[in-house]
């Protein structure tokens, strides 16, 4: 059974930091490109960052310079470190696995507010 379980979301003040984690199971994690997406209130889901199976990364403009994506293949985990958070970063953050199939997690809520 394939599972992607996100954690680490919560309420943070503007300027703060959060580290999101996604633990995968049920597929060969190391073969998959792993991505973080987000969907803010009333907005479409958008890509935040991707880390490919070989370790190369891509960051979307929305959070470039404020995020770092990383993976640990031994632990089947992908993480997203977010800094200098803004109220407009408020969203549900989703983990996605892509290779021969596509899998999504259920999401974790991030709220940036004072």
C-alpha atoms as a PDB file:
ATOM      1  CA  UNK A   1       0.000   0.000   0.000  1.00  0.00           C
ATOM      2  CA  UNK A   2       1.442   3.307  -1.096  1.00  0.00           C
ATOM      3  CA  UNK A   3       1.537   6.042   1.505  1.00  0.00           C
ATOM      4  CA  UNK A   4       2.933   9.545   1.633  1.00  0.00           C
ATOM      5  CA  UNK A   5       2.535  11.063   5.070  1.00  0.00           C
ATOM      6  CA  UNK A   6       3.346  14.730   5.554  1.00  0.00           C
ATOM      7  CA  UNK A   7       4.071  16.345   8.905  1.00  0.00           C
ATOM      8  CA  UNK A   8       5.553  19.495  10.360  1.00  0.00           C
ATOM      9  CA  UNK A   9       2.882  22.013   9.461  1.00  0.00           C
ATOM     10  CA  UNK A  10       1.372  24.429  11.924  1.00  0.00           C
ATOM     11  CA  UNK A  11       0.963  28.045  12.878  1.00  0.00           C
ATOM     12  CA  UNK A  12       4.016  30.265  12.564  1.00  0.00           C
ATOM     13  CA  UNK A  13       4.537  34.006  12.786  1.00  0.00           C
ATOM     14  CA  UNK A  14       5.677  36.005   9.767  1.00  0.00           C
ATOM     15  CA  UNK A  15       9.420  35.732   9.395  1.00  0.00           C
ATOM     16  CA  UNK A  16       9.460  32.340  11.056  1.00  0.00           C
ATOM     17  CA  UNK A  17      10.598  28.952   9.837  1.00  0.00           C
ATOM     18  CA  UNK A  18       9.150  25.504   9.462  1.00  0.00           C
ATOM     19  CA  UNK A  19      10.475  22.145   8.371  1.00  0.00           C
ATOM     20  CA  UNK A  20       8.046  19.830   6.618  1.00  0.00           C
ATOM     21  CA  UNK A  21       8.674  16.122   6.243  1.00  0.00           C
ATOM     22  CA  UNK A  22       7.103  13.463   4.048  1.00  0.00           C
ATOM     23  CA  UNK A  23       7.623   9.797   4.795  1.00  0.00           C
ATOM     24  CA  UNK A  24       6.973   7.411   1.924  1.00  0.00           C
ATOM     25  CA  UNK A  25       6.176   3.712   1.876  1.00  0.00           C
ATOM     26  CA  UNK A  26       4.929   1.098  -0.542  1.00  0.00           C
ATOM     27  CA  UNK A  27       7.124   1.988  -3.518  1.00  0.00           C
ATOM     28  CA  UNK A  28      10.817   2.277  -4.417  1.00  0.00           C
ATOM     29  CA  UNK A  29      11.399   5.756  -3.067  1.00  0.00           C
ATOM     30  CA  UNK A  30      14.892   6.236  -4.502  1.00  0.00           C
ATOM     31  CA  UNK A  31      13.626   5.966  -8.087  1.00  0.00           C
ATOM     32  CA  UNK A  32      11.092   8.725  -7.737  1.00  0.00           C
ATOM     33  CA  UNK A  33      11.374  12.452  -8.127  1.00  0.00           C
ATOM     34  CA  UNK A  34       9.875  14.004  -5.019  1.00  0.00           C
ATOM     35  CA  UNK A  35       8.117  17.345  -4.994  1.00  0.00           C
ATOM     36  CA  UNK A  36       6.368  19.702  -2.652  1.00  0.00           C
ATOM     37  CA  UNK A  37       3.298  21.535  -3.855  1.00  0.00           C
ATOM     38  CA  UNK A  38       1.028  23.946  -2.067  1.00  0.00           C
ATOM     39  CA  UNK A  39      -2.528  25.153  -2.409  1.00  0.00           C
ATOM     40  CA  UNK A  40      -3.537  28.379  -0.767  1.00  0.00           C
ATOM     41  CA  UNK A  41      -7.116  29.439  -0.015  1.00  0.00           C
ATOM     42  CA  UNK A  42      -8.955  29.998  -3.274  1.00  0.00           C
ATOM     43  CA  UNK A  43      -5.842  29.252  -5.315  1.00  0.00           C
ATOM     44  CA  UNK A  44      -4.697  26.483  -7.610  1.00  0.00           C
ATOM     45  CA  UNK A  45      -2.179  23.945  -6.461  1.00  0.00           C
ATOM     46  CA  UNK A  46       1.333  25.055  -7.382  1.00  0.00           C
ATOM     47  CA  UNK A  47       4.797  23.556  -7.388  1.00  0.00           C
ATOM     48  CA  UNK A  48       7.178  24.698  -4.657  1.00  0.00           C
ATOM     49  CA  UNK A  49      10.235  22.504  -5.217  1.00  0.00           C
ATOM     50  CA  UNK A  50      11.407  19.200  -6.706  1.00  0.00           C
ATOM     51  CA  UNK A  51      14.306  16.934  -5.954  1.00  0.00           C
ATOM     52  CA  UNK A  52      15.044  14.281  -8.557  1.00  0.00           C
ATOM     53  CA  UNK A  53      16.232  10.769  -7.911  1.00  0.00           C
ATOM     54  CA  UNK A  54      19.815  11.833  -8.581  1.00  0.00           C
ATOM     55  CA  UNK A  55      19.563  14.686  -6.118  1.00  0.00           C
ATOM     56  CA  UNK A  56      19.293  17.663  -8.452  1.00  0.00           C
ATOM     57  CA  UNK A  57      16.788  20.274  -7.351  1.00  0.00           C
ATOM     58  CA  UNK A  58      14.393  22.777  -8.851  1.00  0.00           C
ATOM     59  CA  UNK A  59      12.697  25.641  -7.062  1.00  0.00           C
ATOM     60  CA  UNK A  60       9.687  27.549  -8.263  1.00  0.00           C
ATOM     61  CA  UNK A  61       9.892  31.317  -8.141  1.00  0.00           C
ATOM     62  CA  UNK A  62       7.242  31.566  -5.434  1.00  0.00           C
ATOM     63  CA  UNK A  63       9.579  30.505  -2.649  1.00  0.00           C
ATOM     64  CA  UNK A  64      12.992  30.463  -4.293  1.00  0.00           C
ATOM     65  CA  UNK A  65      15.707  31.564  -1.900  1.00  0.00           C
ATOM     66  CA  UNK A  66      13.568  30.805   1.127  1.00  0.00           C
ATOM     67  CA  UNK A  67      13.286  27.042   0.823  1.00  0.00           C
ATOM     68  CA  UNK A  68      15.542  24.008   0.724  1.00  0.00           C
ATOM     69  CA  UNK A  69      14.355  20.587  -0.390  1.00  0.00           C
ATOM     70  CA  UNK A  70      16.275  17.490   0.614  1.00  0.00           C
ATOM     71  CA  UNK A  71      15.830  13.740   0.622  1.00  0.00           C
ATOM     72  CA  UNK A  72      17.084  10.802   2.633  1.00  0.00           C
ATOM     73  CA  UNK A  73      16.690   7.634   0.607  1.00  0.00           C
ATOM     74  CA  UNK A  74      17.673   5.484   3.573  1.00  0.00           C
ATOM     75  CA  UNK A  75      14.699   6.843   5.505  1.00  0.00           C
ATOM     76  CA  UNK A  76      12.322   7.240   2.525  1.00  0.00           C
ATOM     77  CA  UNK A  77      11.895  10.849   3.518  1.00  0.00           C
ATOM     78  CA  UNK A  78      11.769  14.159   1.699  1.00  0.00           C
ATOM     79  CA  UNK A  79      11.901  17.407   3.618  1.00  0.00           C
ATOM     80  CA  UNK A  80      11.216  21.056   2.923  1.00  0.00           C
ATOM     81  CA  UNK A  81      12.899  23.702   5.018  1.00  0.00           C
ATOM     82  CA  UNK A  82      11.070  27.029   4.776  1.00  0.00           C
ATOM     83  CA  UNK A  83      12.403  30.317   6.087  1.00  0.00           C
ATOM     84  CA  UNK A  84      11.278  33.949   6.183  1.00  0.00           C
ATOM     85  CA  UNK A  85       7.687  32.839   5.932  1.00  0.00           C
ATOM     86  CA  UNK A  86       5.046  35.317   4.792  1.00  0.00           C
ATOM     87  CA  UNK A  87       1.276  35.339   5.267  1.00  0.00           C
ATOM     88  CA  UNK A  88       0.915  34.543   1.560  1.00  0.00           C
ATOM     89  CA  UNK A  89       2.729  31.254   2.185  1.00  0.00           C
ATOM     90  CA  UNK A  90      -0.344  30.063   4.063  1.00  0.00           C
ATOM     91  CA  UNK A  91      -1.471  26.908   2.298  1.00  0.00           C
ATOM     92  CA  UNK A  92      -1.850  23.178   2.482  1.00  0.00           C
ATOM     93  CA  UNK A  93       1.490  21.678   1.502  1.00  0.00           C
ATOM     94  CA  UNK A  94       1.487  18.383  -0.361  1.00  0.00           C
ATOM     95  CA  UNK A  95       4.153  15.804  -1.061  1.00  0.00           C
ATOM     96  CA  UNK A  96       4.190  14.192  -4.531  1.00  0.00           C
ATOM     97  CA  UNK A  97       6.130  11.253  -5.906  1.00  0.00           C
ATOM     98  CA  UNK A  98       6.655  10.939  -9.663  1.00  0.00           C
ATOM     99  CA  UNK A  99       8.186   8.225 -11.781  1.00  0.00           C
ATOM    100  CA  UNK A 100       6.250   5.552 -13.570  1.00  0.00           C
ATOM    101  CA  UNK A 101       3.294   6.486 -11.406  1.00  0.00           C
ATOM    102  CA  UNK A 102       2.250   9.545  -9.489  1.00  0.00           C
ATOM    103  CA  UNK A 103       1.396   9.524  -5.798  1.00  0.00           C
ATOM    104  CA  UNK A 104       0.148  12.326  -3.564  1.00  0.00           C
ATOM    105  CA  UNK A 105       0.054  12.763   0.159  1.00  0.00           C
ATOM    106  CA  UNK A 106      -2.881  14.150   2.087  1.00  0.00           C
ATOM    107  CA  UNK A 107      -1.221  17.445   2.886  1.00  0.00           C
ATOM    108  CA  UNK A 108      -0.216  19.420   5.952  1.00  0.00           C
ATOM    109  CA  UNK A 109      -1.565  22.858   6.804  1.00  0.00           C
ATOM    110  CA  UNK A 110       0.838  25.763   7.143  1.00  0.00           C
ATOM    111  CA  UNK A 111      -0.576  29.009   8.505  1.00  0.00           C
ATOM    112  CA  UNK A 112       1.556  32.129   8.665  1.00  0.00           C
ATOM    113  CA  UNK A 113      -0.064  34.716  10.857  1.00  0.00           C
ATOM    114  CA  UNK A 114       0.664  37.008  13.764  1.00  0.00           C
END
